[in-house]
Amino acid sequence: MFGLGMSTYGNLTNASMAYLPFMQYNPFGITNFGGDLQIFPVENYGQSQIGLAFNQIAQMSGWSPMFGGNQIAPFNPYAIISGASSLAAQSLNQLGSQEINTALQAIASQKAKIQAQLQAKDLKPEDKAKLEEQLKKLEEYEAQIKAIATSGMDPQSAYLKANELKVAVNNLIAGKADTTTNQGTENPSGSSSSGDSSGSGDSSGDKPSKTEPKTFIPWVRAMRSAIYRPGTDNEVFEAGCDEITKDDVIERMIQWNMINPKESFMEAFMADADSNQKKKYGQQILDALADKALELGIDLSKDQNYIKCQEEMDSWLYIDNGVADNFNELIKKIAKKMGYKYTYSPYSIWSK
């Protein structure tokens, strides 16, 4: 088995969901591409324990062994569902336990480092405060992780929650724990990402002045470099996503297309982000768009593109990359209200 230690992994692919109930019957391979977890058998079914497991489920349904038998009783799909669900629960429990153990080990190690740093005699008051705040947050995460065991969650929800908390712990330790989201931080162009995109405080919905647009070309180039390379530069990618707010989301999307007309930012984002990044930053971008629409007086309550985007962001198992087109239609609608023309190349699974 391989791949478990590669990087953060989140959602299971559809094929993996089919193989998951039989993961305990090794050998199985595990990989992590595109932020999703892929599980697949690496041995001939009929001659391995995985084959025996399939036979066990088949017999529950009233069939003779799957490898070389004939139907001997009426088909019983409920027995298959029950048997496969039982085996899937065992495998999900194993995955969830691994996530919990990994997170708790990271917390214990970081807490020990912080305790040692707090003993330094020359520690500045502001540094001490930061260390104590991180220690407090680690203890909160530790309590949440330990609570999963007694939460009564189903195995799949427990695994996903454990993975979410593990990622949060890793981000906290790396110094990337939600400190800049929706705040006015400096962007690569040197201008603040907070404030009205028109340069005034007027939010009446009038068209902004297009004579002095903000320049986000350095941001576009930095993000493009982070995405179009072997593996994602996650530090640059996440920092760049953190900068997107309602006051500049439209300008950033338009200027991205000026540099990269074959693939919109949302298509590139969906193709490159891992599962946790899609949920966190996808929701952040959607909220920025919704806030801008509200500011401009656009009613999204029945907008099917907005509804589809939110449905995907709320998904636990899988976020469809094709939702990039729904994001783009929403961007196009808002841009038009602002007096901008926004065009994009539709989503495609093929390289452009």
Protein backbone atom coordinates (compact mmCIF):
# COMPACT_ATOMS: atom_id res chain seq x y z
CA MET A 1 0.00 0.00 0.00
CA PHE A 2 1.33 3.46 -0.81
CA GLY A 3 0.32 7.09 -0.95
CA LEU A 4 -1.04 7.65 2.56
CA GLY A 5 1.86 9.87 3.53
CA MET A 6 1.98 11.92 0.35
CA SER A 7 -0.10 14.96 1.30
CA THR A 8 -3.47 16.05 2.57
CA TYR A 9 -6.23 14.00 1.01
CA GLY A 10 -9.92 14.54 1.31
CA ASN A 11 -12.75 13.32 -0.88
CA LEU A 12 -13.01 9.82 -2.28
CA THR A 13 -13.44 9.29 -6.00
CA ASN A 14 -16.49 7.37 -7.21
CA ALA A 15 -14.40 4.29 -8.06
CA SER A 16 -12.79 4.43 -4.63
CA MET A 17 -16.21 4.36 -2.98
CA ALA A 18 -16.84 1.07 -4.76
CA TYR A 19 -13.54 -0.43 -3.60
CA LEU A 20 -13.58 1.06 -0.08
CA PRO A 21 -15.59 -1.76 1.58
CA PHE A 22 -12.85 -4.22 0.62
CA MET A 23 -9.82 -2.16 1.59
CA GLN A 24 -9.16 -4.30 4.63
CA TYR A 25 -8.53 -7.23 2.33
CA ASN A 26 -5.11 -6.16 1.09
CA PRO A 27 -3.35 -5.64 -1.22
CA PHE A 28 -4.73 -2.28 -2.30
CA GLY A 29 -3.05 0.82 -3.65
CA ILE A 30 -3.82 4.35 -2.50
CA THR A 31 -2.84 7.53 -4.35
CA ASN A 32 -3.63 11.22 -3.98
CA PHE A 33 -4.02 13.19 -7.20
CA GLY A 34 -5.93 16.46 -7.56
CA GLY A 35 -6.70 16.50 -3.85
CA ASP A 36 -8.82 13.34 -4.03
CA LEU A 37 -8.14 9.89 -2.63
CA GLN A 38 -7.91 7.03 -5.13
CA ILE A 39 -8.19 3.43 -3.88
CA PHE A 40 -7.62 0.53 -6.27
CA PRO A 41 -6.84 -3.21 -6.11
CA VAL A 42 -3.38 -4.38 -7.13
CA GLU A 43 -3.98 -8.13 -7.29
CA ASN A 44 -6.18 -10.46 -9.33
CA TYR A 45 -9.61 -10.55 -7.70
CA GLY A 46 -10.27 -14.26 -8.01
CA GLN A 47 -7.00 -15.34 -6.38
CA SER A 48 -6.81 -12.93 -3.47
CA GLN A 49 -8.67 -12.00 -0.31
CA ILE A 50 -10.42 -9.24 -2.21
CA GLY A 51 -11.99 -11.94 -4.37
CA LEU A 52 -13.16 -13.77 -1.28
CA ALA A 53 -14.68 -10.56 0.03
CA PHE A 54 -16.60 -10.02 -3.19
CA ASN A 55 -17.78 -13.62 -3.02
CA GLN A 56 -18.98 -13.06 0.54
CA ILE A 57 -21.11 -10.11 -0.57
CA ALA A 58 -22.33 -12.02 -3.62
CA GLN A 59 -23.52 -14.90 -1.46
CA MET A 60 -25.46 -12.45 0.71
CA SER A 61 -27.43 -11.53 -2.38
CA GLY A 62 -28.37 -15.12 -3.16
CA TRP A 63 -25.77 -15.67 -5.88
CA SER A 64 -23.12 -18.38 -5.95
CA PRO A 65 -19.45 -17.21 -5.90
CA MET A 66 -18.84 -14.43 -8.38
CA PHE A 67 -15.91 -16.15 -10.04
CA GLY A 68 -17.31 -19.05 -11.97
CA GLY A 69 -20.80 -19.69 -10.60
CA ASN A 70 -24.43 -19.52 -11.65
CA GLN A 71 -27.35 -17.76 -10.04
CA ILE A 72 -28.88 -20.07 -7.45
CA ALA A 73 -31.43 -17.80 -5.75
CA PRO A 74 -33.36 -14.58 -6.35
CA PHE A 75 -31.22 -11.45 -6.38
CA ASN A 76 -31.29 -9.56 -3.06
CA PRO A 77 -29.86 -6.03 -3.46
CA TYR A 78 -30.58 -5.13 0.18
CA ALA A 79 -28.17 -7.82 1.36
CA ILE A 80 -25.45 -6.41 -0.90
CA ILE A 81 -26.02 -2.87 0.38
CA SER A 82 -25.98 -4.03 3.99
CA GLY A 83 -22.85 -6.14 3.57
CA ALA A 84 -20.93 -3.54 1.59
CA SER A 85 -21.94 -0.79 4.03
CA SER A 86 -20.63 -2.85 6.93
CA LEU A 87 -17.27 -3.40 5.26
CA ALA A 88 -17.10 0.25 4.13
CA ALA A 89 -17.67 1.38 7.71
CA GLN A 90 -14.69 -0.67 8.87
CA SER A 91 -12.42 0.86 6.22
CA LEU A 92 -13.65 4.39 6.89
CA ASN A 93 -13.01 3.85 10.58
CA GLN A 94 -9.43 2.87 9.72
CA LEU A 95 -8.96 5.99 7.59
CA GLY A 96 -10.56 8.20 10.23
CA SER A 97 -8.36 6.74 12.95
CA GLN A 98 -5.28 7.44 10.89
CA GLU A 99 -6.34 11.08 10.40
CA ILE A 100 -7.01 11.45 14.14
CA ASN A 101 -3.69 9.90 15.13
CA THR A 102 -1.75 12.02 12.66
CA ALA A 103 -3.40 15.22 13.92
CA LEU A 104 -2.90 14.35 17.59
CA GLN A 105 0.77 13.53 16.99
CA ALA A 106 1.27 16.88 15.23
CA ILE A 107 -0.48 18.70 18.08
CA ALA A 108 1.60 16.95 20.74
CA SER A 109 4.83 17.76 18.92
CA GLN A 110 3.92 21.42 18.39
CA LYS A 111 2.75 21.84 21.99
CA ALA A 112 6.09 20.52 23.21
CA LYS A 113 7.95 23.00 20.99
CA ILE A 114 5.83 25.90 22.22
CA GLN A 115 6.30 24.94 25.87
CA ALA A 116 10.07 24.90 25.31
CA GLN A 117 9.97 28.30 23.58
CA LEU A 118 7.93 29.79 26.42
CA GLN A 119 10.78 28.97 28.81
CA ALA A 120 13.19 31.29 26.99
CA LYS A 121 14.33 34.12 29.29
CA ASP A 122 14.67 36.69 26.50
CA LEU A 123 11.20 36.04 25.04
CA LYS A 124 9.46 39.28 24.01
CA PRO A 125 5.94 39.90 25.42
CA GLU A 126 4.38 40.05 21.94
CA ASP A 127 6.03 36.75 20.94
CA LYS A 128 4.89 35.15 24.18
CA ALA A 129 1.33 36.25 23.49
CA LYS A 130 1.44 34.71 20.00
CA LEU A 131 2.79 31.42 21.33
CA GLU A 132 0.16 31.27 24.07
CA GLU A 133 -2.59 31.99 21.54
CA GLN A 134 -1.38 29.18 19.27
CA LEU A 135 -1.15 26.83 22.25
CA LYS A 136 -4.74 27.67 23.20
CA LYS A 137 -5.92 27.02 19.65
CA LEU A 138 -4.05 23.69 19.50
CA GLU A 139 -5.75 22.60 22.70
CA GLU A 140 -9.14 23.52 21.21
CA TYR A 141 -8.42 21.42 18.12
CA GLU A 142 -7.19 18.59 20.33
CA ALA A 143 -10.47 18.58 22.24
CA GLN A 144 -12.50 18.60 19.01
CA ILE A 145 -10.49 15.72 17.56
CA LYS A 146 -10.84 13.60 20.69
CA ALA A 147 -14.57 14.34 20.76
CA ILE A 148 -15.05 12.65 17.37
CA ALA A 149 -14.75 9.24 19.02
CA THR A 150 -17.80 9.89 21.22
CA SER A 151 -19.76 12.11 18.81
CA GLY A 152 -21.93 9.35 17.38
CA MET A 153 -21.05 10.42 13.82
CA ASP A 154 -21.37 7.91 11.04
CA PRO A 155 -17.95 6.61 9.82
CA GLN A 156 -17.88 8.75 6.69
CA SER A 157 -18.73 11.99 8.51
CA ALA A 158 -16.20 11.14 11.22
CA TYR A 159 -13.48 10.58 8.62
CA LEU A 160 -14.28 13.87 6.83
CA LYS A 161 -14.36 15.81 10.13
CA ALA A 162 -11.07 14.25 11.21
CA ASN A 163 -9.50 15.19 7.89
CA GLU A 164 -10.84 18.75 8.17
CA LEU A 165 -9.37 19.16 11.65
CA LYS A 166 -6.05 17.64 10.61
CA VAL A 167 -5.77 20.20 7.81
CA ALA A 168 -6.67 23.01 10.24
CA VAL A 169 -3.96 21.84 12.64
CA ASN A 170 -1.37 21.68 9.86
CA ASN A 171 -2.33 25.18 8.70
CA LEU A 172 -2.09 26.55 12.23
CA ILE A 173 1.35 25.05 12.71
CA ALA A 174 2.46 26.39 9.32
CA GLY A 175 1.15 29.84 10.20
CA LYS A 176 -1.64 29.79 7.60
CA ALA A 177 -4.66 29.55 9.88
CA ASP A 178 -7.40 31.85 8.54
CA THR A 179 -5.64 35.08 9.48
CA THR A 180 -6.13 37.04 6.27
CA THR A 181 -9.46 35.81 4.90
CA ASN A 182 -11.71 38.73 3.92
CA GLN A 183 -9.29 41.26 5.38
CA GLY A 184 -7.55 44.15 3.64
CA THR A 185 -4.10 42.68 3.00
CA GLU A 186 -1.42 43.90 0.66
CA ASN A 187 -1.53 42.30 -2.76
CA PRO A 188 1.41 41.66 -5.13
CA SER A 189 0.70 44.87 -7.04
CA GLY A 190 1.33 46.90 -3.92
CA SER A 191 -2.23 48.23 -3.59
CA SER A 192 -4.58 47.34 -0.76
CA SER A 193 -7.22 44.71 -1.51
CA SER A 194 -9.70 46.49 0.75
CA GLY A 195 -11.88 49.41 -0.23
CA ASP A 196 -14.29 50.08 -3.07
CA SER A 197 -13.09 49.03 -6.52
CA SER A 198 -14.16 52.37 -7.97
CA GLY A 199 -11.93 54.28 -5.60
CA SER A 200 -14.89 55.84 -3.74
CA GLY A 201 -17.13 54.83 -0.87
CA ASP A 202 -20.28 54.97 -2.99
CA SER A 203 -22.03 51.58 -3.08
CA SER A 204 -25.20 52.72 -4.81
CA GLY A 205 -24.70 50.30 -7.72
CA ASP A 206 -23.59 52.94 -10.24
CA LYS A 207 -20.95 51.91 -12.75
CA PRO A 208 -17.45 52.44 -11.33
CA SER A 209 -14.96 54.66 -13.08
CA LYS A 210 -13.05 52.58 -15.61
CA THR A 211 -10.39 55.22 -16.23
CA GLU A 212 -8.28 54.17 -13.24
CA PRO A 213 -8.81 50.45 -12.70
CA LYS A 214 -6.79 48.65 -10.08
CA THR A 215 -3.95 46.59 -11.45
CA PHE A 216 -3.87 42.93 -10.45
CA ILE A 217 -1.56 41.73 -13.21
CA PRO A 218 1.26 40.87 -10.73
CA TRP A 219 -1.29 38.81 -8.76
CA VAL A 220 -2.41 37.07 -11.96
CA ARG A 221 1.15 36.19 -12.92
CA ALA A 222 1.98 34.95 -9.43
CA MET A 223 -1.14 32.76 -9.33
CA ARG A 224 -0.57 31.48 -12.85
CA SER A 225 2.99 30.51 -11.93
CA ALA A 226 1.73 28.73 -8.79
CA ILE A 227 -0.83 26.72 -10.79
CA TYR A 228 0.86 25.92 -14.10
CA ARG A 229 3.82 23.91 -12.83
CA PRO A 230 4.56 20.35 -11.70
CA GLY A 231 2.59 20.32 -8.46
CA THR A 232 0.95 23.39 -6.97
CA ASP A 233 2.86 26.06 -5.06
CA ASN A 234 0.32 25.91 -2.24
CA GLU A 235 1.82 28.76 -0.24
CA VAL A 236 1.49 31.25 -3.12
CA PHE A 237 -1.82 29.74 -4.26
CA GLU A 238 -3.51 29.98 -0.86
CA ALA A 239 -2.09 33.43 -0.11
CA GLY A 240 -3.41 34.63 -3.47
CA CYS A 241 -6.86 33.15 -2.83
CA ASP A 242 -6.90 34.79 0.59
CA GLU A 243 -6.61 38.21 -1.05
CA ILE A 244 -9.83 37.93 -3.06
CA THR A 245 -12.63 40.12 -1.65
CA LYS A 246 -15.92 41.52 -2.91
CA ASP A 247 -14.18 44.78 -3.76
CA ASP A 248 -11.81 43.25 -6.29
CA VAL A 249 -13.08 39.78 -7.25
CA ILE A 250 -14.47 40.94 -10.61
CA GLU A 251 -11.34 42.88 -11.56
CA ARG A 252 -9.13 39.92 -10.69
CA MET A 253 -11.23 37.55 -12.82
CA ILE A 254 -11.21 39.95 -15.79
CA GLN A 255 -7.49 40.62 -15.62
CA TRP A 256 -6.77 36.89 -15.31
CA ASN A 257 -8.55 36.35 -18.64
CA MET A 258 -6.43 39.10 -20.21
CA ILE A 259 -3.29 37.07 -19.44
CA ASN A 260 -4.76 33.58 -19.75
CA PRO A 261 -7.73 33.70 -22.18
CA LYS A 262 -7.87 29.93 -22.83
CA GLU A 263 -8.75 29.02 -19.27
CA SER A 264 -10.66 31.15 -16.77
CA PHE A 265 -9.40 31.51 -13.23
CA MET A 266 -12.32 29.49 -11.85
CA GLU A 267 -11.59 26.62 -14.26
CA ALA A 268 -7.90 26.67 -13.34
CA PHE A 269 -8.81 26.91 -9.65
CA MET A 270 -11.18 23.94 -9.75
CA ALA A 271 -8.70 21.81 -11.69
CA ASP A 272 -5.76 22.58 -9.41
CA ALA A 273 -7.17 22.98 -5.89
CA ASP A 274 -7.38 19.99 -3.58
CA SER A 275 -10.66 19.09 -1.87
CA ASN A 276 -10.13 21.28 1.18
CA GLN A 277 -8.94 24.23 -0.90
CA LYS A 278 -12.00 23.93 -3.14
CA LYS A 279 -14.34 24.07 -0.16
CA LYS A 280 -12.54 26.84 1.72
CA TYR A 281 -11.54 29.19 -1.08
CA GLY A 282 -14.39 28.26 -3.42
CA GLN A 283 -16.81 29.35 -0.68
CA GLN A 284 -14.75 32.48 -0.04
CA ILE A 285 -14.91 33.47 -3.73
CA LEU A 286 -18.64 32.68 -3.86
CA ASP A 287 -19.25 34.82 -0.77
CA ALA A 288 -17.28 37.67 -2.34
CA LEU A 289 -19.42 37.45 -5.47
CA ALA A 290 -22.64 37.30 -3.44
CA ASP A 291 -21.60 40.30 -1.33
CA LYS A 292 -20.75 42.28 -4.46
CA ALA A 293 -24.07 41.34 -6.04
CA LEU A 294 -25.91 42.47 -2.89
CA GLU A 295 -24.00 45.75 -2.95
CA LEU A 296 -25.09 46.30 -6.56
CA GLY A 297 -28.71 45.41 -5.88
CA ILE A 298 -28.63 42.07 -7.74
CA ASP A 299 -31.10 39.50 -6.37
CA LEU A 300 -29.51 36.02 -6.35
CA SER A 301 -32.36 34.24 -4.55
CA LYS A 302 -33.50 32.57 -7.79
CA ASP A 303 -30.25 32.72 -9.74
CA GLN A 304 -29.64 29.12 -10.83
CA ASN A 305 -25.90 29.62 -11.28
CA TYR A 306 -25.52 30.96 -7.75
CA ILE A 307 -27.69 28.13 -6.38
CA LYS A 308 -25.62 25.52 -8.25
CA CYS A 309 -22.36 27.01 -6.93
CA GLN A 310 -23.63 26.91 -3.34
CA GLU A 311 -24.89 23.34 -3.75
CA GLU A 312 -21.42 22.24 -4.88
CA MET A 313 -19.70 24.10 -2.05
CA ASP A 314 -22.02 22.35 0.42
CA SER A 315 -21.17 18.92 -0.97
CA TRP A 316 -19.38 16.55 1.41
CA LEU A 317 -18.18 13.96 -1.06
CA TYR A 318 -17.34 15.60 -4.35
CA ILE A 319 -17.16 19.06 -5.92
CA ASP A 320 -17.74 18.98 -9.67
CA ASN A 321 -15.03 20.94 -11.50
CA GLY A 322 -17.64 21.87 -14.10
CA VAL A 323 -19.15 24.29 -11.56
CA ALA A 324 -16.49 26.68 -12.88
CA ASP A 325 -18.96 27.60 -15.65
CA ASN A 326 -21.62 28.48 -13.07
CA PHE A 327 -19.12 30.68 -11.26
CA ASN A 328 -18.23 32.32 -14.58
CA GLU A 329 -21.85 33.02 -15.46
CA LEU A 330 -22.27 34.63 -12.05
CA ILE A 331 -19.12 36.70 -12.60
CA LYS A 332 -20.40 37.70 -16.05
CA LYS A 333 -23.73 38.88 -14.60
CA ILE A 334 -22.10 40.98 -11.89
CA ALA A 335 -19.46 42.37 -14.26
CA LYS A 336 -22.20 43.51 -16.66
CA LYS A 337 -23.92 45.39 -13.83
CA MET A 338 -20.58 47.09 -13.13
CA GLY A 339 -20.18 48.10 -16.77
CA TYR A 340 -17.58 45.48 -17.65
CA LYS A 341 -17.65 42.86 -20.38
CA TYR A 342 -16.59 39.40 -19.17
CA THR A 343 -16.02 36.50 -21.54
CA TYR A 344 -14.62 33.09 -20.75
CA SER A 345 -13.75 29.78 -22.36
CA PRO A 346 -16.21 27.06 -21.18
CA TYR A 347 -14.98 24.32 -18.87
CA SER A 348 -13.44 21.24 -20.48
CA ILE A 349 -11.83 18.10 -19.11
CA TRP A 350 -9.29 18.27 -21.92
CA SER A 351 -6.06 20.23 -21.86
CA LYS A 352 -6.36 23.63 -23.52
